[in-house]
Structure formats: C-alpha cells, structure tokens
Amino acid sequence: MSILDKIDFPKDLKTLDISELEILCDDVANLIHSTIKKEGGHYSSPLGVIELTVALHYVYDSPIDKLIWDVGHQAYPHKILTGRRE
C-alpha cells in the first residue's frame, strides 16, 4: 500500500511527517507518469507542481483556503489529493 492510498482529502496530509510527504510526492509522480503513458496527455506541467501542491495542502486549510491554478494541467496533483484520483 502506498502513502497515496491513504490520501483522499487534503486534511489527510496533515497526519504525515515530512519524510512521508516526500514519498507521497513520488507516489503522485508515479501515478501521473503511468496515467499519461497509458492515456496520453501533458507531462511536464503536473510534474512541475507536485511538491508545491503537497506543500500548499499541508500548510493551508483547503478547501476553506482557495487555491487557483494557472493552467488545468497544473491542477492534476491537486485533483489527485482531493478525492478525484480516478
């Protein structure tokens, strides 16, 4: 079981320690990689914001604190961490 399997909502990140956040980032990157390899799509935009997305959700209180993404592809990690993984 990966750490990502334990994350359905941003509040779930708050139970992790820093070393687990690093593993979570790898889990998200691997999911994006495998999905894009299978389905196609943009690769660099979501990969470039994984650590940023995890940090924002760890520090802020989403969805009360609003996050705005520049382009839709950057929102993939956000969607993965907010119950829209599938």
N, C-alpha and C. Protein backbone atom coordinates (compact mmCIF):
# COMPACT_ATOMS: atom_id res chain seq x y z
N MET A 1 0.85 -1.18 0.00
CA MET A 1 0.00 0.00 0.00
C MET A 1 0.89 1.24 0.00
N SER A 2 0.62 2.15 -0.92
CA SER A 2 1.39 3.39 -0.98
C SER A 2 0.77 4.43 -0.04
N ILE A 3 1.53 5.45 0.25
CA ILE A 3 1.01 6.54 1.08
C ILE A 3 -0.16 7.21 0.37
N LEU A 4 -0.09 7.29 -0.95
CA LEU A 4 -1.18 7.90 -1.71
C LEU A 4 -2.51 7.20 -1.48
N ASP A 5 -2.48 5.90 -1.24
CA ASP A 5 -3.71 5.16 -0.98
C ASP A 5 -4.42 5.63 0.29
N LYS A 6 -3.69 6.28 1.18
CA LYS A 6 -4.27 6.79 2.43
C LYS A 6 -4.81 8.20 2.31
N ILE A 7 -4.61 8.83 1.15
CA ILE A 7 -4.97 10.24 0.97
C ILE A 7 -6.20 10.36 0.09
N ASP A 8 -7.27 10.86 0.68
CA ASP A 8 -8.48 11.14 -0.08
C ASP A 8 -8.85 12.61 -0.04
N PHE A 9 -8.37 13.31 0.95
CA PHE A 9 -8.69 14.72 1.14
C PHE A 9 -7.45 15.44 1.67
N PRO A 10 -7.34 16.74 1.45
CA PRO A 10 -6.18 17.48 1.93
C PRO A 10 -5.92 17.31 3.44
N LYS A 11 -6.96 17.17 4.23
CA LYS A 11 -6.76 17.01 5.68
C LYS A 11 -5.96 15.76 6.00
N ASP A 12 -5.99 14.76 5.12
CA ASP A 12 -5.24 13.53 5.35
C ASP A 12 -3.73 13.76 5.31
N LEU A 13 -3.28 14.78 4.59
CA LEU A 13 -1.85 15.09 4.52
C LEU A 13 -1.31 15.55 5.86
N LYS A 14 -2.15 16.15 6.67
CA LYS A 14 -1.71 16.71 7.95
C LYS A 14 -1.29 15.62 8.93
N THR A 15 -1.63 14.36 8.66
CA THR A 15 -1.23 13.27 9.53
C THR A 15 0.14 12.72 9.18
N LEU A 16 0.73 13.19 8.09
CA LEU A 16 2.01 12.68 7.61
C LEU A 16 3.16 13.50 8.15
N ASP A 17 4.33 12.86 8.29
CA ASP A 17 5.52 13.63 8.62
C ASP A 17 6.25 14.00 7.33
N ILE A 18 7.29 14.79 7.46
CA ILE A 18 7.99 15.32 6.28
C ILE A 18 8.52 14.21 5.38
N SER A 19 9.09 13.17 5.95
CA SER A 19 9.64 12.10 5.11
C SER A 19 8.53 11.39 4.34
N GLU A 20 7.35 11.28 4.93
CA GLU A 20 6.22 10.67 4.22
C GLU A 20 5.71 11.58 3.11
N LEU A 21 5.84 12.89 3.29
CA LEU A 21 5.44 13.82 2.23
C LEU A 21 6.30 13.62 0.99
N GLU A 22 7.58 13.36 1.19
CA GLU A 22 8.48 13.11 0.07
C GLU A 22 8.06 11.84 -0.68
N ILE A 23 7.70 10.82 0.06
CA ILE A 23 7.24 9.57 -0.56
C ILE A 23 5.92 9.80 -1.28
N LEU A 24 5.04 10.59 -0.68
CA LEU A 24 3.76 10.92 -1.31
C LEU A 24 3.99 11.62 -2.65
N CYS A 25 4.94 12.53 -2.71
CA CYS A 25 5.25 13.21 -3.97
C CYS A 25 5.69 12.20 -5.03
N ASP A 26 6.50 11.24 -4.64
CA ASP A 26 6.91 10.18 -5.58
C ASP A 26 5.72 9.36 -6.03
N ASP A 27 4.81 9.05 -5.10
CA ASP A 27 3.60 8.28 -5.45
C ASP A 27 2.74 9.04 -6.47
N VAL A 28 2.58 10.34 -6.25
CA VAL A 28 1.80 11.17 -7.18
C VAL A 28 2.48 11.21 -8.54
N ALA A 29 3.79 11.40 -8.55
CA ALA A 29 4.54 11.43 -9.82
C ALA A 29 4.40 10.11 -10.57
N ASN A 30 4.48 9.01 -9.85
CA ASN A 30 4.34 7.69 -10.49
C ASN A 30 2.94 7.50 -11.07
N LEU A 31 1.92 7.95 -10.35
CA LEU A 31 0.55 7.85 -10.86
C LEU A 31 0.38 8.69 -12.12
N ILE A 32 0.88 9.91 -12.10
CA ILE A 32 0.78 10.77 -13.28
C ILE A 32 1.53 10.15 -14.45
N HIS A 33 2.73 9.64 -14.19
CA HIS A 33 3.53 9.01 -15.24
C HIS A 33 2.79 7.83 -15.87
N SER A 34 2.26 6.95 -15.03
CA SER A 34 1.59 5.76 -15.57
C SER A 34 0.30 6.11 -16.29
N THR A 35 -0.41 7.11 -15.79
CA THR A 35 -1.66 7.53 -16.44
C THR A 35 -1.39 8.15 -17.80
N ILE A 36 -0.40 9.03 -17.87
CA ILE A 36 -0.08 9.69 -19.14
C ILE A 36 0.49 8.70 -20.13
N LYS A 37 1.27 7.75 -19.65
CA LYS A 37 1.81 6.71 -20.54
C LYS A 37 0.68 5.89 -21.16
N LYS A 38 -0.34 5.63 -20.37
CA LYS A 38 -1.46 4.82 -20.84
C LYS A 38 -2.47 5.64 -21.65
N GLU A 39 -2.82 6.82 -21.17
CA GLU A 39 -3.90 7.61 -21.76
C GLU A 39 -3.42 8.75 -22.66
N GLY A 40 -2.16 9.16 -22.50
CA GLY A 40 -1.67 10.34 -23.20
C GLY A 40 -1.95 11.59 -22.38
N GLY A 41 -1.38 12.70 -22.81
CA GLY A 41 -1.63 13.96 -22.12
C GLY A 41 -0.35 14.71 -21.84
N HIS A 42 -0.49 15.79 -21.11
CA HIS A 42 0.64 16.66 -20.78
C HIS A 42 1.37 16.12 -19.56
N TYR A 43 2.70 16.19 -19.62
CA TYR A 43 3.51 15.56 -18.59
C TYR A 43 4.25 16.57 -17.71
N SER A 44 4.84 17.58 -18.30
CA SER A 44 5.71 18.47 -17.52
C SER A 44 4.94 19.40 -16.59
N SER A 45 3.80 19.90 -17.01
CA SER A 45 3.04 20.82 -16.15
C SER A 45 2.64 20.21 -14.82
N PRO A 46 2.05 19.02 -14.80
CA PRO A 46 1.68 18.46 -13.50
C PRO A 46 2.89 18.04 -12.67
N LEU A 47 3.94 17.52 -13.32
CA LEU A 47 5.12 17.10 -12.57
C LEU A 47 5.83 18.27 -11.93
N GLY A 48 5.77 19.43 -12.57
CA GLY A 48 6.45 20.61 -12.05
C GLY A 48 5.82 21.20 -10.81
N VAL A 49 4.62 20.78 -10.46
CA VAL A 49 3.93 21.38 -9.31
C VAL A 49 3.56 20.36 -8.22
N ILE A 50 4.05 19.15 -8.31
CA ILE A 50 3.69 18.15 -7.31
C ILE A 50 4.11 18.58 -5.91
N GLU A 51 5.39 18.90 -5.72
CA GLU A 51 5.87 19.29 -4.40
C GLU A 51 5.17 20.55 -3.91
N LEU A 52 4.96 21.50 -4.82
CA LEU A 52 4.25 22.73 -4.47
C LEU A 52 2.83 22.41 -4.00
N THR A 53 2.14 21.54 -4.71
CA THR A 53 0.77 21.18 -4.37
C THR A 53 0.70 20.50 -3.00
N VAL A 54 1.59 19.55 -2.77
CA VAL A 54 1.62 18.86 -1.48
C VAL A 54 1.90 19.86 -0.36
N ALA A 55 2.86 20.75 -0.57
CA ALA A 55 3.19 21.75 0.45
C ALA A 55 2.01 22.69 0.73
N LEU A 56 1.35 23.15 -0.32
CA LEU A 56 0.21 24.05 -0.13
C LEU A 56 -0.91 23.37 0.67
N HIS A 57 -1.19 22.12 0.34
CA HIS A 57 -2.25 21.40 1.05
C HIS A 57 -1.83 21.04 2.48
N TYR A 58 -0.54 20.88 2.69
CA TYR A 58 -0.05 20.56 4.03
C TYR A 58 -0.13 21.77 4.95
N VAL A 59 0.15 22.95 4.40
CA VAL A 59 0.21 24.17 5.20
C VAL A 59 -1.14 24.86 5.31
N TYR A 60 -1.86 24.94 4.22
CA TYR A 60 -3.13 25.65 4.21
C TYR A 60 -4.30 24.71 4.49
N ASP A 61 -5.47 25.27 4.67
CA ASP A 61 -6.66 24.51 5.03
C ASP A 61 -7.62 24.49 3.85
N SER A 62 -7.26 23.69 2.85
CA SER A 62 -8.11 23.55 1.68
C SER A 62 -9.25 22.60 2.04
N PRO A 63 -10.45 22.85 1.64
CA PRO A 63 -10.93 23.80 0.64
C PRO A 63 -11.33 25.18 1.20
N ILE A 64 -11.17 25.40 2.50
CA ILE A 64 -11.50 26.72 3.04
C ILE A 64 -10.58 27.77 2.43
N ASP A 65 -9.27 27.50 2.45
CA ASP A 65 -8.31 28.36 1.76
C ASP A 65 -8.33 27.96 0.29
N LYS A 66 -8.59 28.89 -0.57
CA LYS A 66 -8.74 28.62 -2.01
C LYS A 66 -7.39 28.60 -2.71
N LEU A 67 -7.24 27.65 -3.62
CA LEU A 67 -6.06 27.56 -4.48
C LEU A 67 -6.50 27.79 -5.92
N ILE A 68 -5.73 28.57 -6.64
CA ILE A 68 -6.03 28.86 -8.04
C ILE A 68 -4.83 28.43 -8.88
N TRP A 69 -5.10 27.63 -9.90
CA TRP A 69 -4.04 27.11 -10.75
C TRP A 69 -4.00 27.88 -12.05
N ASP A 70 -2.79 28.08 -12.59
CA ASP A 70 -2.56 28.84 -13.81
C ASP A 70 -3.14 28.13 -15.02
N VAL A 71 -2.91 26.84 -15.13
CA VAL A 71 -3.45 26.05 -16.23
C VAL A 71 -4.02 24.74 -15.67
N GLY A 72 -4.94 24.16 -16.38
CA GLY A 72 -5.60 22.95 -15.91
C GLY A 72 -4.66 21.79 -15.66
N HIS A 73 -3.60 21.68 -16.47
CA HIS A 73 -2.68 20.56 -16.31
C HIS A 73 -1.93 20.64 -14.98
N GLN A 74 -1.74 21.85 -14.47
CA GLN A 74 -1.09 22.01 -13.18
C GLN A 74 -1.99 21.54 -12.05
N ALA A 75 -3.26 21.41 -12.29
CA ALA A 75 -4.20 21.01 -11.26
C ALA A 75 -4.28 19.49 -11.07
N TYR A 76 -3.62 18.70 -11.91
CA TYR A 76 -3.70 17.25 -11.77
C TYR A 76 -3.29 16.76 -10.38
N PRO A 77 -2.15 17.20 -9.84
CA PRO A 77 -1.80 16.74 -8.49
C PRO A 77 -2.84 17.18 -7.45
N HIS A 78 -3.37 18.36 -7.62
CA HIS A 78 -4.42 18.86 -6.72
C HIS A 78 -5.65 17.94 -6.78
N LYS A 79 -6.05 17.58 -7.95
CA LYS A 79 -7.21 16.69 -8.10
C LYS A 79 -6.94 15.32 -7.48
N ILE A 80 -5.72 14.83 -7.65
CA ILE A 80 -5.34 13.53 -7.09
C ILE A 80 -5.46 13.55 -5.57
N LEU A 81 -5.08 14.68 -4.96
CA LEU A 81 -5.08 14.79 -3.50
C LEU A 81 -6.42 15.21 -2.92
N THR A 82 -7.38 15.50 -3.77
CA THR A 82 -8.67 16.00 -3.26
C THR A 82 -9.83 15.08 -3.66
N GLY A 83 -9.56 13.79 -3.64
CA GLY A 83 -10.63 12.81 -3.84
C GLY A 83 -11.05 12.58 -5.27
N ARG A 84 -10.26 13.05 -6.24
CA ARG A 84 -10.62 12.87 -7.65
C ARG A 84 -9.54 12.12 -8.40
N ARG A 85 -8.93 11.16 -7.72
CA ARG A 85 -7.83 10.37 -8.28
C ARG A 85 -8.26 9.60 -9.52
N GLU A 86 -9.43 9.03 -9.49
CA GLU A 86 -9.88 8.22 -10.62
C GLU A 86 -10.19 9.09 -11.83
